Amino acid sequence: MKIPRSNVSPYIFWNSTEHGYYKDPSNLFWEYGQETGFDARLHDLRHKFAIERLKEGWSIYRVQKYIGHGSVLTTERYYLRYLTAKEKARVSADGDNGFR
């Protein structure tokens, strides 16, 4: 409550140094990507992690735990579409692979 509000910055934690206003890591990552042509968001790394683990054969439940989804249905909705039918059967058939 003691942090003064800024009329020029939308950030809660703001400053007016030579580096500009406060930015969170995802904003900094995005700017770096724009400068270097990487053209991806920090959140895209999360998606890549999940998809690669599923393709390696991790169970859908194990990936759910690592990603932090409250429901395995969320994990399925976002990531199963990137797998082949054989990969889908493998990640779903063996339950939790002992990682529940």
C-alpha atoms as a PDB file:
ATOM      1  CA  MET A   1       0.000   0.000   0.000  1.00  0.00           C
ATOM      2  CA  LYS A   2       3.007   2.291   0.362  1.00  0.00           C
ATOM      3  CA  ILE A   3       4.041   1.959  -3.278  1.00  0.00           C
ATOM      4  CA  PRO A   4       2.943   5.127  -5.063  1.00  0.00           C
ATOM      5  CA  ARG A   5       0.822   4.670  -8.163  1.00  0.00           C
ATOM      6  CA  SER A   6       2.200   5.892 -11.456  1.00  0.00           C
ATOM      7  CA  ASN A   7       0.055   7.846 -13.866  1.00  0.00           C
ATOM      8  CA  VAL A   8       2.385   7.011 -16.765  1.00  0.00           C
ATOM      9  CA  SER A   9       3.073   3.321 -16.196  1.00  0.00           C
ATOM     10  CA  PRO A  10       0.603   0.419 -16.235  1.00  0.00           C
ATOM     11  CA  TYR A  11       2.971  -1.625 -14.042  1.00  0.00           C
ATOM     12  CA  ILE A  12       2.400  -2.015 -10.321  1.00  0.00           C
ATOM     13  CA  PHE A  13       6.144  -2.111  -9.646  1.00  0.00           C
ATOM     14  CA  TRP A  14       7.351   0.738 -11.759  1.00  0.00           C
ATOM     15  CA  ASN A  15      10.411   2.832 -11.987  1.00  0.00           C
ATOM     16  CA  SER A  16      11.592   5.545 -14.298  1.00  0.00           C
ATOM     17  CA  THR A  17      15.230   4.627 -14.675  1.00  0.00           C
ATOM     18  CA  GLU A  18      17.132   4.751 -17.925  1.00  0.00           C
ATOM     19  CA  HIS A  19      15.957   1.173 -18.517  1.00  0.00           C
ATOM     20  CA  GLY A  20      12.306   2.149 -18.532  1.00  0.00           C
ATOM     21  CA  TYR A  21       9.498   0.672 -16.492  1.00  0.00           C
ATOM     22  CA  TYR A  22       9.407  -2.667 -14.702  1.00  0.00           C
ATOM     23  CA  LYS A  23       8.845  -5.648 -16.973  1.00  0.00           C
ATOM     24  CA  ASP A  24       8.290  -9.243 -15.993  1.00  0.00           C
ATOM     25  CA  PRO A  25      10.455 -12.056 -17.417  1.00  0.00           C
ATOM     26  CA  SER A  26       7.926 -12.975 -20.095  1.00  0.00           C
ATOM     27  CA  ASN A  27       7.949  -9.413 -21.449  1.00  0.00           C
ATOM     28  CA  LEU A  28      11.744  -9.344 -21.444  1.00  0.00           C
ATOM     29  CA  PHE A  29      11.857 -12.734 -23.202  1.00  0.00           C
ATOM     30  CA  TRP A  30       9.408 -11.476 -25.842  1.00  0.00           C
ATOM     31  CA  GLU A  31      11.466  -8.342 -26.490  1.00  0.00           C
ATOM     32  CA  TYR A  32      14.640 -10.408 -26.782  1.00  0.00           C
ATOM     33  CA  GLY A  33      12.851 -12.673 -29.247  1.00  0.00           C
ATOM     34  CA  GLN A  34      11.786  -9.708 -31.330  1.00  0.00           C
ATOM     35  CA  GLU A  35      15.326  -8.341 -31.411  1.00  0.00           C
ATOM     36  CA  THR A  36      16.897 -11.677 -32.355  1.00  0.00           C
ATOM     37  CA  GLY A  37      14.178 -13.083 -34.588  1.00  0.00           C
ATOM     38  CA  PHE A  38      13.475 -15.969 -32.173  1.00  0.00           C
ATOM     39  CA  ASP A  39       9.768 -15.072 -32.390  1.00  0.00           C
ATOM     40  CA  ALA A  40       8.452 -17.116 -29.465  1.00  0.00           C
ATOM     41  CA  ARG A  41       6.942 -16.432 -26.087  1.00  0.00           C
ATOM     42  CA  LEU A  42       8.282 -17.740 -22.790  1.00  0.00           C
ATOM     43  CA  HIS A  43       5.024 -19.677 -22.438  1.00  0.00           C
ATOM     44  CA  ASP A  44       5.837 -21.480 -25.706  1.00  0.00           C
ATOM     45  CA  LEU A  45       8.720 -23.207 -23.907  1.00  0.00           C
ATOM     46  CA  ARG A  46       6.187 -24.690 -21.494  1.00  0.00           C
ATOM     47  CA  HIS A  47       4.212 -26.101 -24.412  1.00  0.00           C
ATOM     48  CA  LYS A  48       7.344 -27.485 -26.034  1.00  0.00           C
ATOM     49  CA  PHE A  49       8.343 -29.194 -22.791  1.00  0.00           C
ATOM     50  CA  ALA A  50       4.948 -30.910 -22.478  1.00  0.00           C
ATOM     51  CA  ILE A  51       4.784 -32.039 -26.104  1.00  0.00           C
ATOM     52  CA  GLU A  52       8.339 -33.388 -26.114  1.00  0.00           C
ATOM     53  CA  ARG A  53       7.795 -35.328 -22.869  1.00  0.00           C
ATOM     54  CA  LEU A  54       4.615 -36.893 -24.249  1.00  0.00           C
ATOM     55  CA  LYS A  55       6.401 -37.876 -27.458  1.00  0.00           C
ATOM     56  CA  GLU A  56       9.108 -39.490 -25.292  1.00  0.00           C
ATOM     57  CA  GLY A  57       6.417 -41.642 -23.702  1.00  0.00           C
ATOM     58  CA  TRP A  58       5.720 -39.911 -20.398  1.00  0.00           C
ATOM     59  CA  SER A  59       2.203 -40.579 -19.185  1.00  0.00           C
ATOM     60  CA  ILE A  60      -0.341 -37.805 -19.517  1.00  0.00           C
ATOM     61  CA  TYR A  61      -0.636 -37.798 -15.697  1.00  0.00           C
ATOM     62  CA  ARG A  62       3.069 -37.226 -15.193  1.00  0.00           C
ATOM     63  CA  VAL A  63       3.063 -34.312 -17.648  1.00  0.00           C
ATOM     64  CA  GLN A  64      -0.023 -32.902 -15.910  1.00  0.00           C
ATOM     65  CA  LYS A  65       1.851 -32.866 -12.598  1.00  0.00           C
ATOM     66  CA  TYR A  66       4.931 -31.184 -14.086  1.00  0.00           C
ATOM     67  CA  ILE A  67       2.893 -28.558 -15.936  1.00  0.00           C
ATOM     68  CA  GLY A  68       0.660 -27.927 -12.926  1.00  0.00           C
ATOM     69  CA  HIS A  69      -2.736 -28.392 -14.519  1.00  0.00           C
ATOM     70  CA  GLY A  70      -5.523 -29.037 -12.024  1.00  0.00           C
ATOM     71  CA  SER A  71      -7.099 -31.638 -14.286  1.00  0.00           C
ATOM     72  CA  VAL A  72      -5.651 -34.153 -16.711  1.00  0.00           C
ATOM     73  CA  LEU A  73      -8.435 -33.109 -19.104  1.00  0.00           C
ATOM     74  CA  THR A  74      -6.747 -29.723 -19.502  1.00  0.00           C
ATOM     75  CA  THR A  75      -3.455 -31.390 -20.369  1.00  0.00           C
ATOM     76  CA  GLU A  76      -5.210 -33.664 -22.861  1.00  0.00           C
ATOM     77  CA  ARG A  77      -7.046 -30.763 -24.493  1.00  0.00           C
ATOM     78  CA  TYR A  78      -3.891 -28.751 -25.080  1.00  0.00           C
ATOM     79  CA  TYR A  79      -1.350 -31.417 -25.979  1.00  0.00           C
ATOM     80  CA  LEU A  80      -2.840 -34.670 -27.293  1.00  0.00           C
ATOM     81  CA  ARG A  81      -3.635 -33.072 -30.638  1.00  0.00           C
ATOM     82  CA  TYR A  82       0.101 -32.936 -31.399  1.00  0.00           C
ATOM     83  CA  LEU A  83       0.550 -36.700 -31.036  1.00  0.00           C
ATOM     84  CA  THR A  84      -0.024 -39.567 -33.442  1.00  0.00           C
ATOM     85  CA  ALA A  85      -2.709 -42.137 -32.621  1.00  0.00           C
ATOM     86  CA  LYS A  86      -0.010 -44.579 -31.471  1.00  0.00           C
ATOM     87  CA  GLU A  87       1.578 -41.961 -29.185  1.00  0.00           C
ATOM     88  CA  LYS A  88      -1.839 -41.037 -27.739  1.00  0.00           C
ATOM     89  CA  ALA A  89      -2.542 -44.664 -26.884  1.00  0.00           C
ATOM     90  CA  ARG A  90       0.860 -45.063 -25.229  1.00  0.00           C
ATOM     91  CA  VAL A  91       0.649 -41.981 -22.979  1.00  0.00           C
ATOM     92  CA  SER A  92      -2.893 -42.800 -21.885  1.00  0.00           C
ATOM     93  CA  ALA A  93      -2.749 -46.604 -21.584  1.00  0.00           C
ATOM     94  CA  ASP A  94      -0.316 -47.046 -18.726  1.00  0.00           C
ATOM     95  CA  GLY A  95      -1.957 -44.826 -16.162  1.00  0.00           C
ATOM     96  CA  ASP A  96       0.419 -42.629 -14.246  1.00  0.00           C
ATOM     97  CA  ASN A  97       3.721 -44.471 -14.847  1.00  0.00           C
ATOM     98  CA  GLY A  98       4.147 -44.523 -11.065  1.00  0.00           C
ATOM     99  CA  PHE A  99       4.403 -40.723 -10.764  1.00  0.00           C
ATOM    100  CA  ARG A 100       1.005 -39.879  -9.327  1.00  0.00           C
END
